[in-house]
Amino acid sequence: MTHNYKKLKVWQLAMEIAVDVYQLSLLFPKDEQFGMVSQIKRCSLSIPSNIAEG
């Protein structure tokens, strides 16, 4: 039995949030790009990744 996580509404919403976070991260000062912004980006991608893992 295969499960397609991409069909899950929760995964789709998590991906939308991740895209929004990446776009908003462009507004942060350049000196934050390797600190807080990097952590925020990783966190936003961990949500859909964890959903996909099950």
Protein backbone atom coordinates (compact mmCIF):
# COMPACT_ATOMS: atom_id res chain seq x y z
CA MET A 1 0.00 0.00 0.00
CA THR A 2 1.50 3.34 -1.02
CA HIS A 3 0.65 6.64 0.59
CA ASN A 4 1.03 9.83 -1.35
CA TYR A 5 1.78 12.51 1.24
CA LYS A 6 1.56 15.20 -1.46
CA LYS A 7 -2.21 14.67 -1.54
CA LEU A 8 -2.53 15.49 2.16
CA LYS A 9 -3.96 18.94 2.76
CA VAL A 10 -1.76 19.38 5.83
CA TRP A 11 1.38 18.72 3.75
CA GLN A 12 0.22 21.15 1.06
CA LEU A 13 -0.39 23.88 3.64
CA ALA A 14 2.98 23.22 5.27
CA MET A 15 4.66 23.64 1.89
CA GLU A 16 2.81 26.92 1.31
CA ILE A 17 4.05 28.15 4.68
CA ALA A 18 7.61 27.11 3.81
CA VAL A 19 7.43 29.06 0.54
CA ASP A 20 6.06 32.09 2.38
CA VAL A 21 8.84 31.86 4.97
CA TYR A 22 11.49 31.71 2.25
CA GLN A 23 10.00 34.78 0.56
CA LEU A 24 9.78 36.70 3.83
CA SER A 25 13.35 35.75 4.69
CA LEU A 26 14.51 37.97 1.84
CA LEU A 27 13.33 40.97 3.88
CA PHE A 28 15.72 40.27 6.75
CA PRO A 29 19.00 42.16 6.96
CA LYS A 30 21.91 40.51 5.16
CA ASP A 31 23.84 40.08 8.41
CA GLU A 32 21.08 37.74 9.66
CA GLN A 33 21.19 35.43 6.61
CA PHE A 34 23.51 32.87 8.22
CA GLY A 35 22.06 33.06 11.71
CA MET A 36 18.42 33.44 12.51
CA VAL A 37 17.20 33.35 8.89
CA SER A 38 18.97 30.07 8.23
CA GLN A 39 17.36 28.51 11.30
CA ILE A 40 13.90 29.81 10.36
CA LYS A 41 14.22 28.35 6.86
CA ARG A 42 15.30 24.95 8.19
CA CYS A 43 12.42 24.90 10.65
CA SER A 44 9.87 25.77 7.98
CA LEU A 45 11.04 22.85 5.84
CA SER A 46 11.11 20.40 8.71
CA ILE A 47 7.32 20.52 9.03
CA PRO A 48 6.46 19.13 5.56
CA SER A 49 9.47 16.81 5.75
CA ASN A 50 8.22 15.25 8.97
CA ILE A 51 4.73 14.88 7.53
CA ALA A 52 6.18 13.11 4.49
CA GLU A 53 8.16 10.74 6.70
CA GLY A 54 5.01 9.79 8.55
